[in-house]
C-alpha atoms as a PDB file:
ATOM      1  CA  UNK A   1     181.578  -0.476 265.038  1.00  0.00           C
ATOM      2  CA  UNK A   2     182.485   0.538 261.407  1.00  0.00           C
ATOM      3  CA  UNK A   3     186.074   0.214 260.034  1.00  0.00           C
ATOM      4  CA  UNK A   4     186.084   3.791 259.136  1.00  0.00           C
ATOM      5  CA  UNK A   5     189.760   5.275 259.253  1.00  0.00           C
ATOM      6  CA  UNK A   6     190.162   8.692 260.167  1.00  0.00           C
ATOM      7  CA  UNK A   7     193.536   9.105 258.505  1.00  0.00           C
ATOM      8  CA  UNK A   8     194.038  11.338 255.678  1.00  0.00           C
ATOM      9  CA  UNK A   9     190.505  12.573 256.476  1.00  0.00           C
ATOM     10  CA  UNK A  10     188.375  15.218 254.571  1.00  0.00           C
ATOM     11  CA  UNK A  11     185.769  16.765 256.139  1.00  0.00           C
ATOM     12  CA  UNK A  12     182.777  18.929 255.246  1.00  0.00           C
ATOM     13  CA  UNK A  13     179.913  20.582 257.183  1.00  0.00           C
ATOM     14  CA  UNK A  14     176.631  22.141 255.767  1.00  0.00           C
ATOM     15  CA  UNK A  15     174.199  23.354 257.975  1.00  0.00           C
ATOM     16  CA  UNK A  16     170.727  23.911 256.294  1.00  0.00           C
ATOM     17  CA  UNK A  17     167.032  24.374 257.285  1.00  0.00           C
ATOM     18  CA  UNK A  18     164.920  21.439 256.854  1.00  0.00           C
ATOM     19  CA  UNK A  19     162.835  22.440 254.083  1.00  0.00           C
ATOM     20  CA  UNK A  20     162.120  20.747 250.607  1.00  0.00           C
ATOM     21  CA  UNK A  21     163.136  23.498 248.796  1.00  0.00           C
ATOM     22  CA  UNK A  22     166.583  22.901 250.268  1.00  0.00           C
ATOM     23  CA  UNK A  23     166.982  19.338 249.218  1.00  0.00           C
ATOM     24  CA  UNK A  24     168.034  20.242 245.660  1.00  0.00           C
ATOM     25  CA  UNK A  25     170.651  22.499 246.917  1.00  0.00           C
ATOM     26  CA  UNK A  26     171.918  19.692 249.346  1.00  0.00           C
ATOM     27  CA  UNK A  27     172.355  17.372 246.108  1.00  0.00           C
ATOM     28  CA  UNK A  28     174.068  20.154 244.410  1.00  0.00           C
ATOM     29  CA  UNK A  29     176.496  20.623 247.320  1.00  0.00           C
ATOM     30  CA  UNK A  30     177.017  16.586 247.707  1.00  0.00           C
ATOM     31  CA  UNK A  31     177.884  16.503 243.890  1.00  0.00           C
ATOM     32  CA  UNK A  32     180.459  19.562 243.960  1.00  0.00           C
ATOM     33  CA  UNK A  33     182.240  18.434 247.215  1.00  0.00           C
ATOM     34  CA  UNK A  34     182.521  14.695 245.930  1.00  0.00           C
ATOM     35  CA  UNK A  35     183.775  16.148 242.693  1.00  0.00           C
ATOM     36  CA  UNK A  36     186.508  17.964 244.701  1.00  0.00           C
ATOM     37  CA  UNK A  37     187.213  14.921 246.363  1.00  0.00           C
ATOM     38  CA  UNK A  38     187.709  12.809 243.267  1.00  0.00           C
ATOM     39  CA  UNK A  39     184.828  10.576 244.371  1.00  0.00           C
ATOM     40  CA  UNK A  40     182.191  11.327 241.244  1.00  0.00           C
ATOM     41  CA  UNK A  41     181.518   7.490 241.407  1.00  0.00           C
ATOM     42  CA  UNK A  42     179.867   7.629 244.691  1.00  0.00           C
ATOM     43  CA  UNK A  43     177.636  10.939 243.487  1.00  0.00           C
ATOM     44  CA  UNK A  44     174.375   8.865 242.738  1.00  0.00           C
ATOM     45  CA  UNK A  45     174.323   7.195 245.834  1.00  0.00           C
ATOM     46  CA  UNK A  46     175.447   9.940 248.070  1.00  0.00           C
ATOM     47  CA  UNK A  47     172.596  12.270 246.507  1.00  0.00           C
ATOM     48  CA  UNK A  48     170.116   9.557 247.088  1.00  0.00           C
ATOM     49  CA  UNK A  49     170.884   8.949 250.790  1.00  0.00           C
ATOM     50  CA  UNK A  50     171.287  12.898 251.441  1.00  0.00           C
ATOM     51  CA  UNK A  51     167.934  13.370 249.858  1.00  0.00           C
ATOM     52  CA  UNK A  52     166.135  10.378 251.754  1.00  0.00           C
ATOM     53  CA  UNK A  53     167.518  11.595 255.095  1.00  0.00           C
ATOM     54  CA  UNK A  54     166.711  15.075 254.783  1.00  0.00           C
ATOM     55  CA  UNK A  55     163.186  14.200 253.802  1.00  0.00           C
ATOM     56  CA  UNK A  56     162.862  11.792 256.890  1.00  0.00           C
ATOM     57  CA  UNK A  57     163.832  14.991 258.982  1.00  0.00           C
ATOM     58  CA  UNK A  58     161.043  17.295 257.323  1.00  0.00           C
ATOM     59  CA  UNK A  59     158.665  14.742 257.963  1.00  0.00           C
ATOM     60  CA  UNK A  60     159.379  13.215 261.290  1.00  0.00           C
ATOM     61  CA  UNK A  61     161.303  16.282 263.175  1.00  0.00           C
ATOM     62  CA  UNK A  62     159.610  19.428 261.284  1.00  0.00           C
ATOM     63  CA  UNK A  63     159.943  21.700 258.701  1.00  0.00           C
ATOM     64  CA  UNK A  64     162.321  24.581 258.958  1.00  0.00           C
ATOM     65  CA  UNK A  65     164.170  22.912 261.751  1.00  0.00           C
ATOM     66  CA  UNK A  66     167.876  23.369 261.944  1.00  0.00           C
ATOM     67  CA  UNK A  67     169.988  20.435 260.550  1.00  0.00           C
ATOM     68  CA  UNK A  68     173.546  19.602 259.416  1.00  0.00           C
ATOM     69  CA  UNK A  69     174.826  17.506 256.784  1.00  0.00           C
ATOM     70  CA  UNK A  70     178.386  16.373 257.564  1.00  0.00           C
ATOM     71  CA  UNK A  71     180.482  14.331 255.124  1.00  0.00           C
ATOM     72  CA  UNK A  72     183.855  12.637 255.868  1.00  0.00           C
ATOM     73  CA  UNK A  73     186.045  10.924 253.454  1.00  0.00           C
ATOM     74  CA  UNK A  74     189.098   8.703 254.458  1.00  0.00           C
ATOM     75  CA  UNK A  75     190.438   7.124 250.892  1.00  0.00           C
ATOM     76  CA  UNK A  76     187.669   5.674 248.833  1.00  0.00           C
ATOM     77  CA  UNK A  77     185.208   5.484 251.914  1.00  0.00           C
ATOM     78  CA  UNK A  78     182.552   8.106 252.560  1.00  0.00           C
ATOM     79  CA  UNK A  79     180.810   8.485 255.787  1.00  0.00           C
ATOM     80  CA  UNK A  80     177.677  10.649 255.617  1.00  0.00           C
ATOM     81  CA  UNK A  81     175.836  11.965 258.619  1.00  0.00           C
ATOM     82  CA  UNK A  82     172.635  14.106 259.189  1.00  0.00           C
ATOM     83  CA  UNK A  83     172.424  15.722 262.435  1.00  0.00           C
ATOM     84  CA  UNK A  84     169.110  17.189 263.833  1.00  0.00           C
ATOM     85  CA  UNK A  85     167.774  18.195 267.329  1.00  0.00           C
ATOM     86  CA  UNK A  86     165.317  15.305 267.987  1.00  0.00           C
ATOM     87  CA  UNK A  87     166.213  12.502 270.298  1.00  0.00           C
ATOM     88  CA  UNK A  88     163.820  10.212 268.469  1.00  0.00           C
ATOM     89  CA  UNK A  89     165.724   7.223 267.179  1.00  0.00           C
ATOM     90  CA  UNK A  90     164.475   5.797 263.767  1.00  0.00           C
ATOM     91  CA  UNK A  91     163.482   2.223 263.343  1.00  0.00           C
ATOM     92  CA  UNK A  92     163.844  -0.048 260.345  1.00  0.00           C
ATOM     93  CA  UNK A  93     160.459  -1.323 260.391  1.00  0.00           C
ATOM     94  CA  UNK A  94     159.511  -4.202 257.920  1.00  0.00           C
ATOM     95  CA  UNK A  95     158.199  -3.037 254.438  1.00  0.00           C
ATOM     96  CA  UNK A  96     154.602  -3.034 254.115  1.00  0.00           C
ATOM     97  CA  UNK A  97     152.436  -1.499 251.445  1.00  0.00           C
ATOM     98  CA  UNK A  98     150.717   1.115 253.227  1.00  0.00           C
ATOM     99  CA  UNK A  99     153.277   2.383 255.571  1.00  0.00           C
ATOM    100  CA  UNK A 100     155.002   5.414 254.153  1.00  0.00           C
ATOM    101  CA  UNK A 101     157.889   5.350 257.155  1.00  0.00           C
ATOM    102  CA  UNK A 102     161.163   4.192 256.964  1.00  0.00           C
ATOM    103  CA  UNK A 103     161.727   4.543 253.197  1.00  0.00           C
ATOM    104  CA  UNK A 104     164.758   6.248 253.666  1.00  0.00           C
ATOM    105  CA  UNK A 105     166.183   3.405 256.095  1.00  0.00           C
ATOM    106  CA  UNK A 106     165.565   0.715 253.584  1.00  0.00           C
ATOM    107  CA  UNK A 107     167.339   2.547 250.974  1.00  0.00           C
ATOM    108  CA  UNK A 108     169.943   3.353 253.283  1.00  0.00           C
ATOM    109  CA  UNK A 109     170.173  -0.304 254.538  1.00  0.00           C
ATOM    110  CA  UNK A 110     170.294  -1.489 250.801  1.00  0.00           C
ATOM    111  CA  UNK A 111     173.035   0.503 249.723  1.00  0.00           C
ATOM    112  CA  UNK A 112     175.414   1.081 252.420  1.00  0.00           C
ATOM    113  CA  UNK A 113     178.420  -0.674 253.714  1.00  0.00           C
ATOM    114  CA  UNK A 114     177.003   0.168 257.510  1.00  0.00           C
ATOM    115  CA  UNK A 115     174.663   2.613 258.846  1.00  0.00           C
ATOM    116  CA  UNK A 116     173.641   3.420 262.249  1.00  0.00           C
ATOM    117  CA  UNK A 117     172.247   6.270 264.694  1.00  0.00           C
ATOM    118  CA  UNK A 118     173.988   8.424 267.461  1.00  0.00           C
ATOM    119  CA  UNK A 119     172.448  10.323 270.142  1.00  0.00           C
ATOM    120  CA  UNK A 120     174.383  13.470 270.595  1.00  0.00           C
ATOM    121  CA  UNK A 121     174.571  16.431 273.340  1.00  0.00           C
ATOM    122  CA  UNK A 122     171.879  18.388 270.864  1.00  0.00           C
ATOM    123  CA  UNK A 123     170.049  15.582 269.450  1.00  0.00           C
ATOM    124  CA  UNK A 124     170.922  12.855 267.173  1.00  0.00           C
ATOM    125  CA  UNK A 125     172.726  12.065 263.799  1.00  0.00           C
ATOM    126  CA  UNK A 126     172.081   9.198 261.341  1.00  0.00           C
ATOM    127  CA  UNK A 127     175.157   7.927 259.605  1.00  0.00           C
ATOM    128  CA  UNK A 128     175.884   5.677 256.790  1.00  0.00           C
ATOM    129  CA  UNK A 129     179.111   4.740 254.691  1.00  0.00           C
ATOM    130  CA  UNK A 130     179.726   4.400 251.055  1.00  0.00           C
ATOM    131  CA  UNK A 131     182.593   3.007 249.286  1.00  0.00           C
ATOM    132  CA  UNK A 132     183.988   3.573 246.001  1.00  0.00           C
ATOM    133  CA  UNK A 133     186.370   0.647 246.391  1.00  0.00           C
ATOM    134  CA  UNK A 134     183.805  -1.926 245.974  1.00  0.00           C
ATOM    135  CA  UNK A 135     183.370  -3.720 242.299  1.00  0.00           C
ATOM    136  CA  UNK A 136     180.593  -2.257 240.097  1.00  0.00           C
ATOM    137  CA  UNK A 137     179.089  -5.468 240.172  1.00  0.00           C
ATOM    138  CA  UNK A 138     178.464  -5.196 244.192  1.00  0.00           C
ATOM    139  CA  UNK A 139     177.546  -1.555 244.096  1.00  0.00           C
ATOM    140  CA  UNK A 140     175.144  -2.446 241.559  1.00  0.00           C
ATOM    141  CA  UNK A 141     173.613  -5.163 243.368  1.00  0.00           C
ATOM    142  CA  UNK A 142     172.987  -3.080 246.272  1.00  0.00           C
ATOM    143  CA  UNK A 143     171.264  -0.533 244.418  1.00  0.00           C
ATOM    144  CA  UNK A 144     169.225  -3.125 242.722  1.00  0.00           C
ATOM    145  CA  UNK A 145     168.239  -4.541 246.153  1.00  0.00           C
ATOM    146  CA  UNK A 146     167.124  -1.078 247.556  1.00  0.00           C
ATOM    147  CA  UNK A 147     165.307  -0.598 244.265  1.00  0.00           C
ATOM    148  CA  UNK A 148     163.437  -3.698 244.509  1.00  0.00           C
ATOM    149  CA  UNK A 149     162.609  -3.210 248.488  1.00  0.00           C
ATOM    150  CA  UNK A 150     161.155   0.131 247.529  1.00  0.00           C
ATOM    151  CA  UNK A 151     159.289  -1.382 244.336  1.00  0.00           C
ATOM    152  CA  UNK A 152     157.739  -3.987 246.817  1.00  0.00           C
ATOM    153  CA  UNK A 153     156.374  -1.403 249.030  1.00  0.00           C
ATOM    154  CA  UNK A 154     154.884   0.877 246.448  1.00  0.00           C
ATOM    155  CA  UNK A 155     153.331  -2.549 245.059  1.00  0.00           C
ATOM    156  CA  UNK A 156     151.464  -3.229 248.514  1.00  0.00           C
ATOM    157  CA  UNK A 157     153.556  -6.568 248.869  1.00  0.00           C
ATOM    158  CA  UNK A 158     153.897  -8.494 252.203  1.00  0.00           C
ATOM    159  CA  UNK A 159     157.251  -8.260 254.126  1.00  0.00           C
ATOM    160  CA  UNK A 160     159.775 -10.664 252.941  1.00  0.00           C
ATOM    161  CA  UNK A 161     159.802 -14.084 254.522  1.00  0.00           C
ATOM    162  CA  UNK A 162     162.996 -15.443 255.975  1.00  0.00           C
ATOM    163  CA  UNK A 163     164.639 -18.232 254.013  1.00  0.00           C
ATOM    164  CA  UNK A 164     162.704 -17.139 250.817  1.00  0.00           C
ATOM    165  CA  UNK A 165     163.954 -13.399 250.151  1.00  0.00           C
ATOM    166  CA  UNK A 166     166.125 -14.233 247.188  1.00  0.00           C
ATOM    167  CA  UNK A 167     163.028 -16.145 245.477  1.00  0.00           C
ATOM    168  CA  UNK A 168     160.730 -13.293 246.392  1.00  0.00           C
ATOM    169  CA  UNK A 169     162.969 -10.512 245.278  1.00  0.00           C
ATOM    170  CA  UNK A 170     163.361 -12.265 242.025  1.00  0.00           C
ATOM    171  CA  UNK A 171     159.575 -12.486 241.378  1.00  0.00           C
ATOM    172  CA  UNK A 172     159.569  -8.800 242.474  1.00  0.00           C
ATOM    173  CA  UNK A 173     162.372  -8.235 239.936  1.00  0.00           C
ATOM    174  CA  UNK A 174     160.174  -9.993 237.160  1.00  0.00           C
ATOM    175  CA  UNK A 175     157.375  -7.627 237.884  1.00  0.00           C
ATOM    176  CA  UNK A 176     159.596  -4.575 237.787  1.00  0.00           C
ATOM    177  CA  UNK A 177     161.168  -5.554 234.626  1.00  0.00           C
ATOM    178  CA  UNK A 178     157.456  -5.794 233.114  1.00  0.00           C
ATOM    179  CA  UNK A 179     156.435  -2.500 234.420  1.00  0.00           C
ATOM    180  CA  UNK A 180     159.666  -0.986 232.670  1.00  0.00           C
ATOM    181  CA  UNK A 181     158.684  -2.563 229.435  1.00  0.00           C
ATOM    182  CA  UNK A 182     155.357  -1.200 229.533  1.00  0.00           C
ATOM    183  CA  UNK A 183     156.613   1.970 230.689  1.00  0.00           C
ATOM    184  CA  UNK A 184     158.795   2.192 227.527  1.00  0.00           C
ATOM    185  CA  UNK A 185     156.108   1.253 225.283  1.00  0.00           C
ATOM    186  CA  UNK A 186     153.660   3.734 226.794  1.00  0.00           C
ATOM    187  CA  UNK A 187     156.238   6.384 225.582  1.00  0.00           C
ATOM    188  CA  UNK A 188     156.996   5.130 222.215  1.00  0.00           C
ATOM    189  CA  UNK A 189     160.134   3.306 222.821  1.00  0.00           C
ATOM    190  CA  UNK A 190     161.122  -0.390 221.713  1.00  0.00           C
ATOM    191  CA  UNK A 191     160.897  -2.581 224.516  1.00  0.00           C
ATOM    192  CA  UNK A 192     162.975  -5.144 222.784  1.00  0.00           C
ATOM    193  CA  UNK A 193     165.813  -2.579 222.259  1.00  0.00           C
ATOM    194  CA  UNK A 194     165.457  -1.540 225.974  1.00  0.00           C
ATOM    195  CA  UNK A 195     166.177  -5.157 226.833  1.00  0.00           C
ATOM    196  CA  UNK A 196     169.064  -5.613 224.604  1.00  0.00           C
ATOM    197  CA  UNK A 197     170.768  -2.319 225.711  1.00  0.00           C
ATOM    198  CA  UNK A 198     170.270  -3.609 229.222  1.00  0.00           C
ATOM    199  CA  UNK A 199     171.883  -6.939 228.240  1.00  0.00           C
ATOM    200  CA  UNK A 200     174.815  -5.201 226.302  1.00  0.00           C
ATOM    201  CA  UNK A 201     175.546  -2.992 229.540  1.00  0.00           C
ATOM    202  CA  UNK A 202     175.522  -6.056 231.655  1.00  0.00           C
ATOM    203  CA  UNK A 203     177.904  -8.232 229.579  1.00  0.00           C
ATOM    204  CA  UNK A 204     180.445  -5.431 229.081  1.00  0.00           C
ATOM    205  CA  UNK A 205     180.382  -5.089 232.890  1.00  0.00           C
ATOM    206  CA  UNK A 206     180.713  -8.556 233.562  1.00  0.00           C
ATOM    207  CA  UNK A 207     183.813  -8.924 231.274  1.00  0.00           C
ATOM    208  CA  UNK A 208     185.397  -5.897 232.817  1.00  0.00           C
ATOM    209  CA  UNK A 209     185.371  -7.273 236.419  1.00  0.00           C
END
């Protein structure tokens, strides 16, 4: 069970139709609601989570089906639930290069404090919890791990080996950084300048922690 505290709780319920055109509106609604709740620090992660969960409903349950986004907050902790009318429970599969499924779940597992699936009277809900009360460095680490897992999937890398996951992710991080430098060069930017700016941001945030 999660440690979610329902005291002083705020709640938002947003029904929607599972269509690709609705996803942008969901992100907008998330951004507006978190601003009202003074949780803007969680906007980036929350928008990404909601986008991926909605995309999973569209792909695995069906376009146009009725779904509901529920957000609850207590203090600095945010709970996101996406309800649909399917009883099929999603499973977090190992990351492989050719498998397009499970992308949203891997992002969820990488960024959230906790997550899971609950069967309801009319289907299921997939939920996760984010918090703004975590050090910036910790939140960046979770986002980086989620990005590296997605990068490995797109690159066709084999599943992580137990006991060597840190070493393997470091190798993937090196490849990702190299790709970013190629991206900067292809668009006429200075790759050395990109590295310098990233280093300055890292050092400034490290000193602030």
